[in-house]
Amino acid sequence: MKKSRFTETQIVGILKEADAGVKVSNLCRKHGIFDATYYN
């Protein structure tokens, strides 16, 4: 299995930012991930 680039705490933090109302496109650009990765 491939090792994740982000830790679980980082992933949770990104998802909480999205719940807070940050646009997904801005969030992905800030953290260096693709939109498709976010939605997976």
PDB file of N, CA and C in Angstrom:
ATOM      1  N   MET A   1       0.842  -1.181   0.000  1.00  0.00           N
ATOM      2  CA  MET A   1       0.000   0.000   0.000  1.00  0.00           C
ATOM      3  C   MET A   1       0.886   1.244   0.000  1.00  0.00           C
ATOM      4  N   LYS A   2       0.502   2.236  -0.790  1.00  0.00           N
ATOM      5  CA  LYS A   2       1.287   3.457  -0.914  1.00  0.00           C
ATOM      6  C   LYS A   2       1.162   4.313   0.350  1.00  0.00           C
ATOM      7  N   LYS A   3       2.282   4.892   0.783  1.00  0.00           N
ATOM      8  CA  LYS A   3       2.279   5.765   1.944  1.00  0.00           C
ATOM      9  C   LYS A   3       1.633   7.100   1.576  1.00  0.00           C
ATOM     10  N   SER A   4       0.762   7.578   2.435  1.00  0.00           N
ATOM     11  CA  SER A   4       0.072   8.841   2.202  1.00  0.00           C
ATOM     12  C   SER A   4       1.032  10.014   2.349  1.00  0.00           C
ATOM     13  N   ARG A   5       0.809  11.031   1.551  1.00  0.00           N
ATOM     14  CA  ARG A   5       1.640  12.227   1.607  1.00  0.00           C
ATOM     15  C   ARG A   5       1.300  13.092   2.812  1.00  0.00           C
ATOM     16  N   PHE A   6       0.050  12.990   3.276  1.00  0.00           N
ATOM     17  CA  PHE A   6      -0.428  13.782   4.397  1.00  0.00           C
ATOM     18  C   PHE A   6      -0.763  12.880   5.581  1.00  0.00           C
ATOM     19  N   THR A   7      -0.542  13.387   6.798  1.00  0.00           N
ATOM     20  CA  THR A   7      -0.907  12.628   7.981  1.00  0.00           C
ATOM     21  C   THR A   7      -2.416  12.740   8.194  1.00  0.00           C
ATOM     22  N   GLU A   8      -2.950  11.887   9.054  1.00  0.00           N
ATOM     23  CA  GLU A   8      -4.387  11.924   9.331  1.00  0.00           C
ATOM     24  C   GLU A   8      -4.798  13.263   9.912  1.00  0.00           C
ATOM     25  N   THR A   9      -3.980  13.842  10.775  1.00  0.00           N
ATOM     26  CA  THR A   9      -4.329  15.126  11.369  1.00  0.00           C
ATOM     27  C   THR A   9      -4.361  16.240  10.327  1.00  0.00           C
ATOM     28  N   GLN A  10      -3.451  16.180   9.341  1.00  0.00           N
ATOM     29  CA  GLN A  10      -3.463  17.178   8.274  1.00  0.00           C
ATOM     30  C   GLN A  10      -4.726  17.044   7.430  1.00  0.00           C
ATOM     31  N   ILE A  11      -5.119  15.812   7.133  1.00  0.00           N
ATOM     32  CA  ILE A  11      -6.321  15.574   6.327  1.00  0.00           C
ATOM     33  C   ILE A  11      -7.549  16.090   7.055  1.00  0.00           C
ATOM     34  N   VAL A  12      -7.637  15.813   8.347  1.00  0.00           N
ATOM     35  CA  VAL A  12      -8.772  16.288   9.146  1.00  0.00           C
ATOM     36  C   VAL A  12      -8.801  17.817   9.166  1.00  0.00           C
ATOM     37  N   GLY A  13      -7.645  18.431   9.276  1.00  0.00           N
ATOM     38  CA  GLY A  13      -7.571  19.892   9.272  1.00  0.00           C
ATOM     39  C   GLY A  13      -8.058  20.489   7.962  1.00  0.00           C
ATOM     40  N   ILE A  14      -7.693  19.870   6.849  1.00  0.00           N
ATOM     41  CA  ILE A  14      -8.130  20.340   5.533  1.00  0.00           C
ATOM     42  C   ILE A  14      -9.640  20.209   5.405  1.00  0.00           C
ATOM     43  N   LEU A  15     -10.183  19.087   5.858  1.00  0.00           N
ATOM     44  CA  LEU A  15     -11.633  18.881   5.776  1.00  0.00           C
ATOM     45  C   LEU A  15     -12.391  19.849   6.674  1.00  0.00           C
ATOM     46  N   LYS A  16     -11.829  20.184   7.830  1.00  0.00           N
ATOM     47  CA  LYS A  16     -12.475  21.153   8.723  1.00  0.00           C
ATOM     48  C   LYS A  16     -12.480  22.540   8.094  1.00  0.00           C
ATOM     49  N   GLU A  17     -11.410  22.877   7.384  1.00  0.00           N
ATOM     50  CA  GLU A  17     -11.369  24.162   6.678  1.00  0.00           C
ATOM     51  C   GLU A  17     -12.474  24.223   5.635  1.00  0.00           C
ATOM     52  N   ALA A  18     -12.686  23.112   4.933  1.00  0.00           N
ATOM     53  CA  ALA A  18     -13.735  23.063   3.911  1.00  0.00           C
ATOM     54  C   ALA A  18     -15.106  23.205   4.555  1.00  0.00           C
ATOM     55  N   ASP A  19     -15.310  22.597   5.711  1.00  0.00           N
ATOM     56  CA  ASP A  19     -16.580  22.727   6.425  1.00  0.00           C
ATOM     57  C   ASP A  19     -16.806  24.155   6.904  1.00  0.00           C
ATOM     58  N   ALA A  20     -15.719  24.869   7.156  1.00  0.00           N
ATOM     59  CA  ALA A  20     -15.816  26.244   7.631  1.00  0.00           C
ATOM     60  C   ALA A  20     -16.215  27.213   6.525  1.00  0.00           C
ATOM     61  N   GLY A  21     -16.223  26.732   5.275  1.00  0.00           N
ATOM     62  CA  GLY A  21     -16.696  27.583   4.197  1.00  0.00           C
ATOM     63  C   GLY A  21     -15.646  28.019   3.193  1.00  0.00           C
ATOM     64  N   VAL A  22     -14.426  27.530   3.319  1.00  0.00           N
ATOM     65  CA  VAL A  22     -13.382  27.869   2.355  1.00  0.00           C
ATOM     66  C   VAL A  22     -13.689  27.151   1.047  1.00  0.00           C
ATOM     67  N   LYS A  23     -13.548  27.853  -0.082  1.00  0.00           N
ATOM     68  CA  LYS A  23     -13.795  27.231  -1.379  1.00  0.00           C
ATOM     69  C   LYS A  23     -12.796  26.113  -1.623  1.00  0.00           C
ATOM     70  N   VAL A  24     -13.288  25.031  -2.203  1.00  0.00           N
ATOM     71  CA  VAL A  24     -12.447  23.855  -2.435  1.00  0.00           C
ATOM     72  C   VAL A  24     -11.271  24.191  -3.342  1.00  0.00           C
ATOM     73  N   SER A  25     -11.495  24.979  -4.370  1.00  0.00           N
ATOM     74  CA  SER A  25     -10.406  25.316  -5.281  1.00  0.00           C
ATOM     75  C   SER A  25      -9.292  26.084  -4.561  1.00  0.00           C
ATOM     76  N   ASN A  26      -9.662  27.009  -3.683  1.00  0.00           N
ATOM     77  CA  ASN A  26      -8.659  27.752  -2.917  1.00  0.00           C
ATOM     78  C   ASN A  26      -7.939  26.847  -1.922  1.00  0.00           C
ATOM     79  N   LEU A  27      -8.695  25.971  -1.313  1.00  0.00           N
ATOM     80  CA  LEU A  27      -8.140  25.040  -0.335  1.00  0.00           C
ATOM     81  C   LEU A  27      -7.124  24.108  -0.980  1.00  0.00           C
ATOM     82  N   CYS A  28      -7.461  23.581  -2.146  1.00  0.00           N
ATOM     83  CA  CYS A  28      -6.564  22.671  -2.851  1.00  0.00           C
ATOM     84  C   CYS A  28      -5.293  23.382  -3.304  1.00  0.00           C
ATOM     85  N   ARG A  29      -5.441  24.603  -3.771  1.00  0.00           N
ATOM     86  CA  ARG A  29      -4.270  25.369  -4.201  1.00  0.00           C
ATOM     87  C   ARG A  29      -3.349  25.640  -3.012  1.00  0.00           C
ATOM     88  N   LYS A  30      -3.927  25.975  -1.862  1.00  0.00           N
ATOM     89  CA  LYS A  30      -3.157  26.289  -0.664  1.00  0.00           C
ATOM     90  C   LYS A  30      -2.348  25.085  -0.180  1.00  0.00           C
ATOM     91  N   HIS A  31      -2.946  23.895  -0.233  1.00  0.00           N
ATOM     92  CA  HIS A  31      -2.305  22.700   0.302  1.00  0.00           C
ATOM     93  C   HIS A  31      -1.593  21.860  -0.763  1.00  0.00           C
ATOM     94  N   GLY A  32      -1.700  22.258  -2.023  1.00  0.00           N
ATOM     95  CA  GLY A  32      -0.974  21.580  -3.082  1.00  0.00           C
ATOM     96  C   GLY A  32      -1.556  20.240  -3.486  1.00  0.00           C
ATOM     97  N   ILE A  33      -2.892  20.145  -3.482  1.00  0.00           N
ATOM     98  CA  ILE A  33      -3.543  18.914  -3.928  1.00  0.00           C
ATOM     99  C   ILE A  33      -4.485  19.239  -5.082  1.00  0.00           C
ATOM    100  N   PHE A  34      -4.839  18.219  -5.857  1.00  0.00           N
ATOM    101  CA  PHE A  34      -5.766  18.406  -6.962  1.00  0.00           C
ATOM    102  C   PHE A  34      -7.207  18.297  -6.456  1.00  0.00           C
ATOM    103  N   ASP A  35      -8.128  18.961  -7.157  1.00  0.00           N
ATOM    104  CA  ASP A  35      -9.531  18.908  -6.781  1.00  0.00           C
ATOM    105  C   ASP A  35     -10.040  17.461  -6.749  1.00  0.00           C
ATOM    106  N   ALA A  36      -9.613  16.661  -7.724  1.00  0.00           N
ATOM    107  CA  ALA A  36     -10.056  15.257  -7.794  1.00  0.00           C
ATOM    108  C   ALA A  36      -9.591  14.483  -6.558  1.00  0.00           C
ATOM    109  N   THR A  37      -8.406  14.795  -6.066  1.00  0.00           N
ATOM    110  CA  THR A  37      -7.902  14.132  -4.859  1.00  0.00           C
ATOM    111  C   THR A  37      -8.765  14.482  -3.674  1.00  0.00           C
ATOM    112  N   TYR A  38      -9.158  15.739  -3.583  1.00  0.00           N
ATOM    113  CA  TYR A  38     -10.022  16.165  -2.480  1.00  0.00           C
ATOM    114  C   TYR A  38     -11.345  15.405  -2.496  1.00  0.00           C
ATOM    115  N   TYR A  39     -11.944  15.287  -3.667  1.00  0.00           N
ATOM    116  CA  TYR A  39     -13.249  14.646  -3.750  1.00  0.00           C
ATOM    117  C   TYR A  39     -13.188  13.129  -3.589  1.00  0.00           C
ATOM    118  N   ASN A  40     -12.015  12.528  -3.801  1.00  0.00           N
ATOM    119  CA  ASN A  40     -11.864  11.082  -3.570  1.00  0.00           C
ATOM    120  C   ASN A  40     -11.930  10.826  -2.090  1.00  0.00           C
TER     121      ASN A  40
END
